[in-house]
Amino acid sequence: MNKILVSAAAIAAGAFMSVVPAQAEDLVFMLTNDTNSTLERFYTSPSGVDNWEDDVFGQDVLEPGQSVKITIADGRRVCKYDMRFEFTEDSDLDTTEDTQDLCQMGSYTIHE
């Protein structure tokens, strides 16, 4: 009789654990500026979201030829993100937007 109760408890615990959502992992990748212009602002948001999240750089910029490790720790279980790249005013480059599966990327390079 005790074996049946232990087995039933183990099955119930296993079922409960499979219902609890797995914790989302941070998305991490290297961003490289392979242009001749300073990248002043970088925005991301999950695809399908109408508004851009905060500027990832804050007060920083990404100079030509530089790379930076980007971590998106928004707690979402989403891989496909829209990205927006804005260059300094004196740049002749237009604002650029792209969509990528960030779970599959280890790096992203912005080109002219």
PDB file of N, CA and C in Angstrom:
ATOM      1  N   MET A   1       0.813  -1.189   0.000  1.00  0.00           N
ATOM      2  CA  MET A   1       0.000   0.000   0.000  1.00  0.00           C
ATOM      3  C   MET A   1       0.859   1.257   0.000  1.00  0.00           C
ATOM      4  N   ASN A   2       1.963   1.270   0.781  1.00  0.00           N
ATOM      5  CA  ASN A   2       2.841   2.426   0.828  1.00  0.00           C
ATOM      6  C   ASN A   2       3.510   2.684  -0.517  1.00  0.00           C
ATOM      7  N   LYS A   3       3.850   1.613  -1.272  1.00  0.00           N
ATOM      8  CA  LYS A   3       4.474   1.776  -2.583  1.00  0.00           C
ATOM      9  C   LYS A   3       3.536   2.506  -3.541  1.00  0.00           C
ATOM     10  N   ILE A   4       2.255   2.215  -3.454  1.00  0.00           N
ATOM     11  CA  ILE A   4       1.279   2.874  -4.326  1.00  0.00           C
ATOM     12  C   ILE A   4       1.193   4.358  -3.984  1.00  0.00           C
ATOM     13  N   LEU A   5       1.180   4.713  -2.702  1.00  0.00           N
ATOM     14  CA  LEU A   5       1.122   6.110  -2.305  1.00  0.00           C
ATOM     15  C   LEU A   5       2.376   6.864  -2.711  1.00  0.00           C
ATOM     16  N   VAL A   6       3.535   6.247  -2.531  1.00  0.00           N
ATOM     17  CA  VAL A   6       4.790   6.887  -2.930  1.00  0.00           C
ATOM     18  C   VAL A   6       4.817   7.092  -4.433  1.00  0.00           C
ATOM     19  N   SER A   7       4.392   6.098  -5.201  1.00  0.00           N
ATOM     20  CA  SER A   7       4.377   6.218  -6.661  1.00  0.00           C
ATOM     21  C   SER A   7       3.410   7.308  -7.104  1.00  0.00           C
ATOM     22  N   ALA A   8       2.235   7.360  -6.483  1.00  0.00           N
ATOM     23  CA  ALA A   8       1.259   8.389  -6.836  1.00  0.00           C
ATOM     24  C   ALA A   8       1.798   9.776  -6.517  1.00  0.00           C
ATOM     25  N   ALA A   9       2.492   9.919  -5.383  1.00  0.00           N
ATOM     26  CA  ALA A   9       3.076  11.210  -5.017  1.00  0.00           C
ATOM     27  C   ALA A   9       4.166  11.604  -5.994  1.00  0.00           C
ATOM     28  N   ALA A  10       4.990  10.649  -6.417  1.00  0.00           N
ATOM     29  CA  ALA A  10       6.055  10.924  -7.380  1.00  0.00           C
ATOM     30  C   ALA A  10       5.473  11.347  -8.723  1.00  0.00           C
ATOM     31  N   ILE A  11       4.417  10.697  -9.167  1.00  0.00           N
ATOM     32  CA  ILE A  11       3.784  11.057 -10.449  1.00  0.00           C
ATOM     33  C   ILE A  11       3.178  12.454 -10.349  1.00  0.00           C
ATOM     34  N   ALA A  12       2.510  12.741  -9.224  1.00  0.00           N
ATOM     35  CA  ALA A  12       1.913  14.071  -9.046  1.00  0.00           C
ATOM     36  C   ALA A  12       2.984  15.151  -9.018  1.00  0.00           C
ATOM     37  N   ALA A  13       4.100  14.893  -8.340  1.00  0.00           N
ATOM     38  CA  ALA A  13       5.197  15.873  -8.284  1.00  0.00           C
ATOM     39  C   ALA A  13       5.781  16.094  -9.668  1.00  0.00           C
ATOM     40  N   GLY A  14       5.956  15.025 -10.442  1.00  0.00           N
ATOM     41  CA  GLY A  14       6.478  15.144 -11.809  1.00  0.00           C
ATOM     42  C   GLY A  14       5.547  15.936 -12.696  1.00  0.00           C
ATOM     43  N   ALA A  15       4.253  15.710 -12.560  1.00  0.00           N
ATOM     44  CA  ALA A  15       3.278  16.457 -13.351  1.00  0.00           C
ATOM     45  C   ALA A  15       3.304  17.931 -12.983  1.00  0.00           C
ATOM     46  N   PHE A  16       3.432  18.239 -11.691  1.00  0.00           N
ATOM     47  CA  PHE A  16       3.499  19.628 -11.245  1.00  0.00           C
ATOM     48  C   PHE A  16       4.738  20.308 -11.798  1.00  0.00           C
ATOM     49  N   MET A  17       5.873  19.637 -11.765  1.00  0.00           N
ATOM     50  CA  MET A  17       7.124  20.226 -12.248  1.00  0.00           C
ATOM     51  C   MET A  17       7.058  20.514 -13.744  1.00  0.00           C
ATOM     52  N   SER A  18       6.347  19.696 -14.510  1.00  0.00           N
ATOM     53  CA  SER A  18       6.279  19.926 -15.949  1.00  0.00           C
ATOM     54  C   SER A  18       5.345  21.080 -16.292  1.00  0.00           C
ATOM     55  N   VAL A  19       4.472  21.479 -15.362  1.00  0.00           N
ATOM     56  CA  VAL A  19       3.561  22.587 -15.595  1.00  0.00           C
ATOM     57  C   VAL A  19       4.226  23.919 -15.265  1.00  0.00           C
ATOM     58  N   VAL A  20       5.180  23.933 -14.346  1.00  0.00           N
ATOM     59  CA  VAL A  20       5.874  25.151 -13.954  1.00  0.00           C
ATOM     60  C   VAL A  20       6.720  25.622 -15.134  1.00  0.00           C
ATOM     61  N   PRO A  21       6.561  26.869 -15.597  1.00  0.00           N
ATOM     62  CA  PRO A  21       7.328  27.334 -16.754  1.00  0.00           C
ATOM     63  C   PRO A  21       8.824  27.406 -16.444  1.00  0.00           C
ATOM     64  N   ALA A  22       9.605  27.062 -17.439  1.00  0.00           N
ATOM     65  CA  ALA A  22      11.060  27.151 -17.294  1.00  0.00           C
ATOM     66  C   ALA A  22      11.458  28.625 -17.272  1.00  0.00           C
ATOM     67  N   GLN A  23      12.491  28.943 -16.536  1.00  0.00           N
ATOM     68  CA  GLN A  23      12.954  30.316 -16.445  1.00  0.00           C
ATOM     69  C   GLN A  23      13.609  30.731 -17.756  1.00  0.00           C
ATOM     70  N   ALA A  24      13.281  31.907 -18.223  1.00  0.00           N
ATOM     71  CA  ALA A  24      13.853  32.413 -19.465  1.00  0.00           C
ATOM     72  C   ALA A  24      15.336  32.695 -19.281  1.00  0.00           C
ATOM     73  N   GLU A  25      16.118  32.400 -20.304  1.00  0.00           N
ATOM     74  CA  GLU A  25      17.550  32.672 -20.270  1.00  0.00           C
ATOM     75  C   GLU A  25      17.818  34.027 -20.908  1.00  0.00           C
ATOM     76  N   ASP A  26      18.874  34.686 -20.436  1.00  0.00           N
ATOM     77  CA  ASP A  26      19.284  35.944 -21.033  1.00  0.00           C
ATOM     78  C   ASP A  26      19.789  35.689 -22.448  1.00  0.00           C
ATOM     79  N   LEU A  27      19.535  36.633 -23.337  1.00  0.00           N
ATOM     80  CA  LEU A  27      20.070  36.578 -24.698  1.00  0.00           C
ATOM     81  C   LEU A  27      21.363  37.381 -24.713  1.00  0.00           C
ATOM     82  N   VAL A  28      22.450  36.746 -25.116  1.00  0.00           N
ATOM     83  CA  VAL A  28      23.762  37.395 -25.096  1.00  0.00           C
ATOM     84  C   VAL A  28      24.395  37.255 -26.477  1.00  0.00           C
ATOM     85  N   PHE A  29      24.908  38.370 -27.007  1.00  0.00           N
ATOM     86  CA  PHE A  29      25.618  38.337 -28.279  1.00  0.00           C
ATOM     87  C   PHE A  29      26.583  39.511 -28.353  1.00  0.00           C
ATOM     88  N   MET A  30      27.554  39.423 -29.253  1.00  0.00           N
ATOM     89  CA  MET A  30      28.507  40.511 -29.490  1.00  0.00           C
ATOM     90  C   MET A  30      27.977  41.366 -30.633  1.00  0.00           C
ATOM     91  N   LEU A  31      27.941  42.667 -30.411  1.00  0.00           N
ATOM     92  CA  LEU A  31      27.538  43.624 -31.442  1.00  0.00           C
ATOM     93  C   LEU A  31      28.788  44.350 -31.906  1.00  0.00           C
ATOM     94  N   THR A  32      29.033  44.324 -33.216  1.00  0.00           N
ATOM     95  CA  THR A  32      30.206  44.973 -33.799  1.00  0.00           C
ATOM     96  C   THR A  32      29.757  46.075 -34.755  1.00  0.00           C
ATOM     97  N   ASN A  33      30.386  47.236 -34.624  1.00  0.00           N
ATOM     98  CA  ASN A  33      30.119  48.360 -35.515  1.00  0.00           C
ATOM     99  C   ASN A  33      31.176  48.355 -36.616  1.00  0.00           C
ATOM    100  N   ASP A  34      30.815  47.822 -37.783  1.00  0.00           N
ATOM    101  CA  ASP A  34      31.727  47.755 -38.923  1.00  0.00           C
ATOM    102  C   ASP A  34      31.396  48.857 -39.933  1.00  0.00           C
ATOM    103  N   THR A  35      31.051  50.036 -39.402  1.00  0.00           N
ATOM    104  CA  THR A  35      30.795  51.191 -40.255  1.00  0.00           C
ATOM    105  C   THR A  35      31.865  52.239 -39.961  1.00  0.00           C
ATOM    106  N   ASN A  36      31.811  53.336 -40.682  1.00  0.00           N
ATOM    107  CA  ASN A  36      32.716  54.458 -40.435  1.00  0.00           C
ATOM    108  C   ASN A  36      32.077  55.527 -39.564  1.00  0.00           C
ATOM    109  N   SER A  37      30.926  55.200 -38.957  1.00  0.00           N
ATOM    110  CA  SER A  37      30.183  56.166 -38.152  1.00  0.00           C
ATOM    111  C   SER A  37      29.979  55.635 -36.735  1.00  0.00           C
ATOM    112  N   THR A  38      29.811  56.560 -35.805  1.00  0.00           N
ATOM    113  CA  THR A  38      29.553  56.197 -34.413  1.00  0.00           C
ATOM    114  C   THR A  38      28.090  55.791 -34.262  1.00  0.00           C
ATOM    115  N   LEU A  39      27.885  54.622 -33.685  1.00  0.00           N
ATOM    116  CA  LEU A  39      26.546  54.140 -33.384  1.00  0.00           C
ATOM    117  C   LEU A  39      26.153  54.740 -32.037  1.00  0.00           C
ATOM    118  N   GLU A  40      25.167  55.643 -32.084  1.00  0.00           N
ATOM    119  CA  GLU A  40      24.824  56.422 -30.898  1.00  0.00           C
ATOM    120  C   GLU A  40      23.742  55.755 -30.037  1.00  0.00           C
ATOM    121  N   ARG A  41      22.769  55.136 -30.692  1.00  0.00           N
ATOM    122  CA  ARG A  41      21.674  54.497 -29.965  1.00  0.00           C
ATOM    123  C   ARG A  41      21.357  53.139 -30.591  1.00  0.00           C
ATOM    124  N   PHE A  42      21.029  52.177 -29.705  1.00  0.00           N
ATOM    125  CA  PHE A  42      20.665  50.830 -30.140  1.00  0.00           C
ATOM    126  C   PHE A  42      19.447  50.391 -29.345  1.00  0.00           C
ATOM    127  N   TYR A  43      18.368  50.097 -30.069  1.00  0.00           N
ATOM    128  CA  TYR A  43      17.116  49.694 -29.442  1.00  0.00           C
ATOM    129  C   TYR A  43      16.769  48.273 -29.858  1.00  0.00           C
ATOM    130  N   THR A  44      16.112  47.557 -28.959  1.00  0.00           N
ATOM    131  CA  THR A  44      15.576  46.237 -29.287  1.00  0.00           C
ATOM    132  C   THR A  44      14.168  46.145 -28.729  1.00  0.00           C
ATOM    133  N   SER A  45      13.392  45.269 -29.319  1.00  0.00           N
ATOM    134  CA  SER A  45      12.090  44.899 -28.764  1.00  0.00           C
ATOM    135  C   SER A  45      11.679  43.591 -29.425  1.00  0.00           C
ATOM    136  N   PRO A  46      10.930  42.776 -28.726  1.00  0.00           N
ATOM    137  CA  PRO A  46      10.467  41.536 -29.341  1.00  0.00           C
ATOM    138  C   PRO A  46       9.662  41.851 -30.606  1.00  0.00           C
ATOM    139  N   SER A  47       9.804  41.043 -31.632  1.00  0.00           N
ATOM    140  CA  SER A  47       9.031  41.246 -32.857  1.00  0.00           C
ATOM    141  C   SER A  47       7.549  41.245 -32.528  1.00  0.00           C
ATOM    142  N   GLY A  48       6.829  42.130 -33.155  1.00  0.00           N
ATOM    143  CA  GLY A  48       5.399  42.234 -32.926  1.00  0.00           C
ATOM    144  C   GLY A  48       5.017  43.238 -31.856  1.00  0.00           C
ATOM    145  N   VAL A  49       6.002  43.752 -31.104  1.00  0.00           N
ATOM    146  CA  VAL A  49       5.734  44.788 -30.113  1.00  0.00           C
ATOM    147  C   VAL A  49       5.830  46.129 -30.831  1.00  0.00           C
ATOM    148  N   ASP A  50       4.852  46.999 -30.611  1.00  0.00           N
ATOM    149  CA  ASP A  50       4.772  48.249 -31.370  1.00  0.00           C
ATOM    150  C   ASP A  50       5.764  49.321 -30.932  1.00  0.00           C
ATOM    151  N   ASN A  51       6.284  49.254 -29.713  1.00  0.00           N
ATOM    152  CA  ASN A  51       7.166  50.297 -29.206  1.00  0.00           C
ATOM    153  C   ASN A  51       8.569  49.752 -28.981  1.00  0.00           C
ATOM    154  N   TRP A  52       9.557  50.623 -29.142  1.00  0.00           N
ATOM    155  CA  TRP A  52      10.933  50.245 -28.856  1.00  0.00           C
ATOM    156  C   TRP A  52      11.166  50.279 -27.351  1.00  0.00           C
ATOM    157  N   GLU A  53      11.984  49.359 -26.870  1.00  0.00           N
ATOM    158  CA  GLU A  53      12.399  49.361 -25.468  1.00  0.00           C
ATOM    159  C   GLU A  53      13.408  50.506 -25.297  1.00  0.00           C
ATOM    160  N   ASP A  54      13.957  50.683 -24.093  1.00  0.00           N
ATOM    161  CA  ASP A  54      14.939  51.739 -23.833  1.00  0.00           C
ATOM    162  C   ASP A  54      16.208  51.521 -24.651  1.00  0.00           C
ATOM    163  N   ASP A  55      16.931  52.600 -24.890  1.00  0.00           N
ATOM    164  CA  ASP A  55      18.223  52.539 -25.579  1.00  0.00           C
ATOM    165  C   ASP A  55      19.167  51.633 -24.783  1.00  0.00           C
ATOM    166  N   VAL A  56      19.665  50.602 -25.421  1.00  0.00           N
ATOM    167  CA  VAL A  56      20.546  49.640 -24.760  1.00  0.00           C
ATOM    168  C   VAL A  56      21.840  50.305 -24.302  1.00  0.00           C
ATOM    169  N   PHE A  57      22.341  51.269 -25.063  1.00  0.00           N
ATOM    170  CA  PHE A  57      23.621  51.909 -24.753  1.00  0.00           C
ATOM    171  C   PHE A  57      23.542  52.886 -23.586  1.00  0.00           C
ATOM    172  N   GLY A  58      22.371  53.455 -23.344  1.00  0.00           N
ATOM    173  CA  GLY A  58      22.277  54.489 -22.309  1.00  0.00           C
ATOM    174  C   GLY A  58      23.121  55.685 -22.714  1.00  0.00           C
ATOM    175  N   GLN A  59      24.125  56.033 -21.910  1.00  0.00           N
ATOM    176  CA  GLN A  59      25.006  57.166 -22.188  1.00  0.00           C
ATOM    177  C   GLN A  59      26.191  56.785 -23.073  1.00  0.00           C
ATOM    178  N   ASP A  60      26.384  55.507 -23.340  1.00  0.00           N
ATOM    179  CA  ASP A  60      27.532  55.046 -24.128  1.00  0.00           C
ATOM    180  C   ASP A  60      27.235  55.083 -25.623  1.00  0.00           C
ATOM    181  N   VAL A  61      28.275  54.938 -26.420  1.00  0.00           N
ATOM    182  CA  VAL A  61      28.168  54.831 -27.874  1.00  0.00           C
ATOM    183  C   VAL A  61      29.086  53.692 -28.311  1.00  0.00           C
ATOM    184  N   LEU A  62      28.944  53.280 -29.557  1.00  0.00           N
ATOM    185  CA  LEU A  62      29.815  52.254 -30.120  1.00  0.00           C
ATOM    186  C   LEU A  62      30.548  52.861 -31.314  1.00  0.00           C
ATOM    187  N   GLU A  63      31.824  53.092 -31.120  1.00  0.00           N
ATOM    188  CA  GLU A  63      32.654  53.721 -32.153  1.00  0.00           C
ATOM    189  C   GLU A  63      32.915  52.743 -33.313  1.00  0.00           C
ATOM    190  N   PRO A  64      33.295  53.279 -34.482  1.00  0.00           N
ATOM    191  CA  PRO A  64      33.625  52.410 -35.610  1.00  0.00           C
ATOM    192  C   PRO A  64      34.708  51.400 -35.233  1.00  0.00           C
ATOM    193  N   GLY A  65      34.483  50.152 -35.635  1.00  0.00           N
ATOM    194  CA  GLY A  65      35.450  49.092 -35.379  1.00  0.00           C
ATOM    195  C   GLY A  65      35.361  48.470 -33.992  1.00  0.00           C
ATOM    196  N   GLN A  66      34.551  49.027 -33.115  1.00  0.00           N
ATOM    197  CA  GLN A  66      34.437  48.490 -31.760  1.00  0.00           C
ATOM    198  C   GLN A  66      33.337  47.430 -31.675  1.00  0.00           C
ATOM    199  N   SER A  67      33.466  46.584 -30.631  1.00  0.00           N
ATOM    200  CA  SER A  67      32.456  45.575 -30.331  1.00  0.00           C
ATOM    201  C   SER A  67      32.059  45.702 -28.869  1.00  0.00           C
ATOM    202  N   VAL A  68      30.855  45.257 -28.567  1.00  0.00           N
ATOM    203  CA  VAL A  68      30.371  45.275 -27.193  1.00  0.00           C
ATOM    204  C   VAL A  68      29.493  44.041 -26.982  1.00  0.00           C
ATOM    205  N   LYS A  69      29.573  43.493 -25.792  1.00  0.00           N
ATOM    206  CA  LYS A  69      28.733  42.357 -25.423  1.00  0.00           C
ATOM    207  C   LYS A  69      27.372  42.904 -24.999  1.00  0.00           C
ATOM    208  N   ILE A  70      26.322  42.429 -25.654  1.00  0.00           N
ATOM    209  CA  ILE A  70      24.955  42.856 -25.371  1.00  0.00           C
ATOM    210  C   ILE A  70      24.239  41.723 -24.634  1.00  0.00           C
ATOM    211  N   THR A  71      23.584  42.064 -23.544  1.00  0.00           N
ATOM    212  CA  THR A  71      22.773  41.098 -22.813  1.00  0.00           C
ATOM    213  C   THR A  71      21.353  41.640 -22.727  1.00  0.00           C
ATOM    214  N   ILE A  72      20.410  40.878 -23.241  1.00  0.00           N
ATOM    215  CA  ILE A  72      18.999  41.225 -23.119  1.00  0.00           C
ATOM    216  C   ILE A  72      18.431  40.314 -22.041  1.00  0.00           C
ATOM    217  N   ALA A  73      18.173  40.889 -20.894  1.00  0.00           N
ATOM    218  CA  ALA A  73      17.678  40.135 -19.735  1.00  0.00           C
ATOM    219  C   ALA A  73      16.290  40.645 -19.373  1.00  0.00           C
ATOM    220  N   ASP A  74      15.358  40.511 -20.325  1.00  0.00           N
ATOM    221  CA  ASP A  74      14.021  41.046 -20.095  1.00  0.00           C
ATOM    222  C   ASP A  74      13.048  40.009 -19.554  1.00  0.00           C
ATOM    223  N   GLY A  75      13.517  38.782 -19.344  1.00  0.00           N
ATOM    224  CA  GLY A  75      12.670  37.748 -18.768  1.00  0.00           C
ATOM    225  C   GLY A  75      11.683  37.125 -19.738  1.00  0.00           C
ATOM    226  N   ARG A  76      11.716  37.544 -20.975  1.00  0.00           N
ATOM    227  CA  ARG A  76      10.788  36.988 -21.960  1.00  0.00           C
ATOM    228  C   ARG A  76      11.344  35.689 -22.533  1.00  0.00           C
ATOM    229  N   ARG A  77      10.457  34.839 -22.980  1.00  0.00           N
ATOM    230  CA  ARG A  77      10.855  33.588 -23.617  1.00  0.00           C
ATOM    231  C   ARG A  77      10.677  33.755 -25.130  1.00  0.00           C
ATOM    232  N   VAL A  78      11.321  34.778 -25.670  1.00  0.00           N
ATOM    233  CA  VAL A  78      11.201  35.155 -27.075  1.00  0.00           C
ATOM    234  C   VAL A  78      12.595  35.163 -27.676  1.00  0.00           C
ATOM    235  N   CYS A  79      12.714  34.752 -28.918  1.00  0.00           N
ATOM    236  CA  CYS A  79      14.014  34.770 -29.591  1.00  0.00           C
ATOM    237  C   CYS A  79      14.085  35.826 -30.691  1.00  0.00           C
ATOM    238  N   LYS A  80      12.976  36.083 -31.347  1.00  0.00           N
ATOM    239  CA  LYS A  80      12.980  36.988 -32.499  1.00  0.00           C
ATOM    240  C   LYS A  80      12.785  38.427 -32.017  1.00  0.00           C
ATOM    241  N   TYR A  81      13.814  39.253 -32.266  1.00  0.00           N
ATOM    242  CA  TYR A  81      13.802  40.651 -31.829  1.00  0.00           C
ATOM    243  C   TYR A  81      14.002  41.583 -33.016  1.00  0.00           C
ATOM    244  N   ASP A  82      13.318  42.732 -32.946  1.00  0.00           N
ATOM    245  CA  ASP A  82      13.574  43.830 -33.877  1.00  0.00           C
ATOM    246  C   ASP A  82      14.689  44.666 -33.268  1.00  0.00           C
ATOM    247  N   MET A  83      15.559  45.191 -34.124  1.00  0.00           N
ATOM    248  CA  MET A  83      16.670  46.027 -33.675  1.00  0.00           C
ATOM    249  C   MET A  83      16.675  47.318 -34.482  1.00  0.00           C
ATOM    250  N   ARG A  84      17.035  48.394 -33.811  1.00  0.00           N
ATOM    251  CA  ARG A  84      17.102  49.714 -34.459  1.00  0.00           C
ATOM    252  C   ARG A  84      18.450  50.339 -34.111  1.00  0.00           C
ATOM    253  N   PHE A  85      19.162  50.773 -35.143  1.00  0.00           N
ATOM    254  CA  PHE A  85      20.497  51.354 -34.998  1.00  0.00           C
ATOM    255  C   PHE A  85      20.439  52.812 -35.446  1.00  0.00           C
ATOM    256  N   GLU A  86      20.818  53.733 -34.550  1.00  0.00           N
ATOM    257  CA  GLU A  86      20.820  55.162 -34.869  1.00  0.00           C
ATOM    258  C   GLU A  86      22.238  55.698 -34.728  1.00  0.00           C
ATOM    259  N   PHE A  87      22.680  56.391 -35.767  1.00  0.00           N
ATOM    260  CA  PHE A  87      24.037  56.931 -35.815  1.00  0.00           C
ATOM    261  C   PHE A  87      24.037  58.414 -35.432  1.00  0.00           C
ATOM    262  N   THR A  88      25.213  58.955 -35.174  1.00  0.00           N
ATOM    263  CA  THR A  88      25.324  60.364 -34.799  1.00  0.00           C
ATOM    264  C   THR A  88      24.803  61.256 -35.922  1.00  0.00           C
ATOM    265  N   GLU A  89      24.444  62.484 -35.556  1.00  0.00           N
ATOM    266  CA  GLU A  89      23.878  63.433 -36.516  1.00  0.00           C
ATOM    267  C   GLU A  89      24.809  63.727 -37.683  1.00  0.00           C
ATOM    268  N   ASP A  90      26.123  63.744 -37.427  1.00  0.00           N
ATOM    269  CA  ASP A  90      27.066  64.081 -38.504  1.00  0.00           C
ATOM    270  C   ASP A  90      27.343  62.895 -39.438  1.00  0.00           C
ATOM    271  N   SER A  91      26.730  61.766 -39.177  1.00  0.00           N
ATOM    272  CA  SER A  91      26.909  60.579 -40.012  1.00  0.00           C
ATOM    273  C   SER A  91      26.079  60.705 -41.282  1.00  0.00           C
ATOM    274  N   ASP A  92      26.558  60.092 -42.341  1.00  0.00           N
ATOM    275  CA  ASP A  92      25.764  60.052 -43.559  1.00  0.00           C
ATOM    276  C   ASP A  92      24.965  58.745 -43.655  1.00  0.00           C
ATOM    277  N   LEU A  93      24.952  57.960 -42.571  1.00  0.00           N
ATOM    278  CA  LEU A  93      24.185  56.719 -42.539  1.00  0.00           C
ATOM    279  C   LEU A  93      22.788  56.966 -41.981  1.00  0.00           C
ATOM    280  N   ASP A  94      21.808  56.351 -42.613  1.00  0.00           N
ATOM    281  CA  ASP A  94      20.433  56.441 -42.139  1.00  0.00           C
ATOM    282  C   ASP A  94      20.214  55.473 -40.984  1.00  0.00           C
ATOM    283  N   THR A  95      19.187  55.735 -40.217  1.00  0.00           N
ATOM    284  CA  THR A  95      18.769  54.789 -39.188  1.00  0.00           C
ATOM    285  C   THR A  95      18.466  53.457 -39.857  1.00  0.00           C
ATOM    286  N   THR A  96      18.929  52.379 -39.264  1.00  0.00           N
ATOM    287  CA  THR A  96      18.784  51.046 -39.839  1.00  0.00           C
ATOM    288  C   THR A  96      17.982  50.178 -38.884  1.00  0.00           C
ATOM    289  N   GLU A  97      17.105  49.344 -39.436  1.00  0.00           N
ATOM    290  CA  GLU A  97      16.352  48.397 -38.631  1.00  0.00           C
ATOM    291  C   GLU A  97      16.520  46.999 -39.210  1.00  0.00           C
ATOM    292  N   ASP A  98      16.473  46.004 -38.327  1.00  0.00           N
ATOM    293  CA  ASP A  98      16.635  44.611 -38.729  1.00  0.00           C
ATOM    294  C   ASP A  98      15.897  43.738 -37.730  1.00  0.00           C
ATOM    295  N   THR A  99      15.568  42.530 -38.139  1.00  0.00           N
ATOM    296  CA  THR A  99      14.944  41.536 -37.266  1.00  0.00           C
ATOM    297  C   THR A  99      15.778  40.268 -37.320  1.00  0.00           C
ATOM    298  N   GLN A 100      16.108  39.722 -36.142  1.00  0.00           N
ATOM    299  CA  GLN A 100      16.928  38.511 -36.078  1.00  0.00           C
ATOM    300  C   GLN A 100      16.452  37.605 -34.952  1.00  0.00           C
ATOM    301  N   ASP A 101      16.756  36.313 -35.095  1.00  0.00           N
ATOM    302  CA  ASP A 101      16.544  35.332 -34.037  1.00  0.00           C
ATOM    303  C   ASP A 101      17.783  35.379 -33.144  1.00  0.00           C
ATOM    304  N   LEU A 102      17.708  36.090 -32.044  1.00  0.00           N
ATOM    305  CA  LEU A 102      18.873  36.307 -31.193  1.00  0.00           C
ATOM    306  C   LEU A 102      19.283  35.055 -30.430  1.00  0.00           C
ATOM    307  N   CYS A 103      18.408  34.076 -30.313  1.00  0.00           N
ATOM    308  CA  CYS A 103      18.782  32.819 -29.657  1.00  0.00           C
ATOM    309  C   CYS A 103      19.787  32.040 -30.505  1.00  0.00           C
ATOM    310  N   GLN A 104      19.783  32.259 -31.799  1.00  0.00           N
ATOM    311  CA  GLN A 104      20.669  31.540 -32.714  1.00  0.00           C
ATOM    312  C   GLN A 104      21.960  32.286 -33.002  1.00  0.00           C
ATOM    313  N   MET A 105      22.045  33.531 -32.549  1.00  0.00           N
ATOM    314  CA  MET A 105      23.202  34.377 -32.877  1.00  0.00           C
ATOM    315  C   MET A 105      24.212  34.408 -31.757  1.00  0.00           C
ATOM    316  N   GLY A 106      25.467  34.394 -32.129  1.00  0.00           N
ATOM    317  CA  GLY A 106      26.523  34.639 -31.159  1.00  0.00           C
ATOM    318  C   GLY A 106      27.087  36.037 -31.353  1.00  0.00           C
ATOM    319  N   SER A 107      26.835  36.589 -32.556  1.00  0.00           N
ATOM    320  CA  SER A 107      27.335  37.932 -32.860  1.00  0.00           C
ATOM    321  C   SER A 107      26.490  38.558 -33.960  1.00  0.00           C
ATOM    322  N   TYR A 108      26.531  39.882 -34.000  1.00  0.00           N
ATOM    323  CA  TYR A 108      25.839  40.641 -35.043  1.00  0.00           C
ATOM    324  C   TYR A 108      26.743  41.800 -35.421  1.00  0.00           C
ATOM    325  N   THR A 109      26.935  41.987 -36.723  1.00  0.00           N
ATOM    326  CA  THR A 109      27.776  43.085 -37.213  1.00  0.00           C
ATOM    327  C   THR A 109      26.926  44.003 -38.070  1.00  0.00           C
ATOM    328  N   ILE A 110      26.967  45.285 -37.729  1.00  0.00           N
ATOM    329  CA  ILE A 110      26.268  46.291 -38.533  1.00  0.00           C
ATOM    330  C   ILE A 110      27.252  46.815 -39.570  1.00  0.00           C
ATOM    331  N   HIS A 111      26.842  46.760 -40.847  1.00  0.00           N
ATOM    332  CA  HIS A 111      27.672  47.200 -41.981  1.00  0.00           C
ATOM    333  C   HIS A 111      27.053  48.436 -42.627  1.00  0.00           C
ATOM    334  N   GLU A 112      27.856  49.137 -43.413  1.00  0.00           N
ATOM    335  CA  GLU A 112      27.327  50.276 -44.172  1.00  0.00           C
ATOM    336  C   GLU A 112      26.577  49.757 -45.366  1.00  0.00           C
TER     337      GLU A 112
END
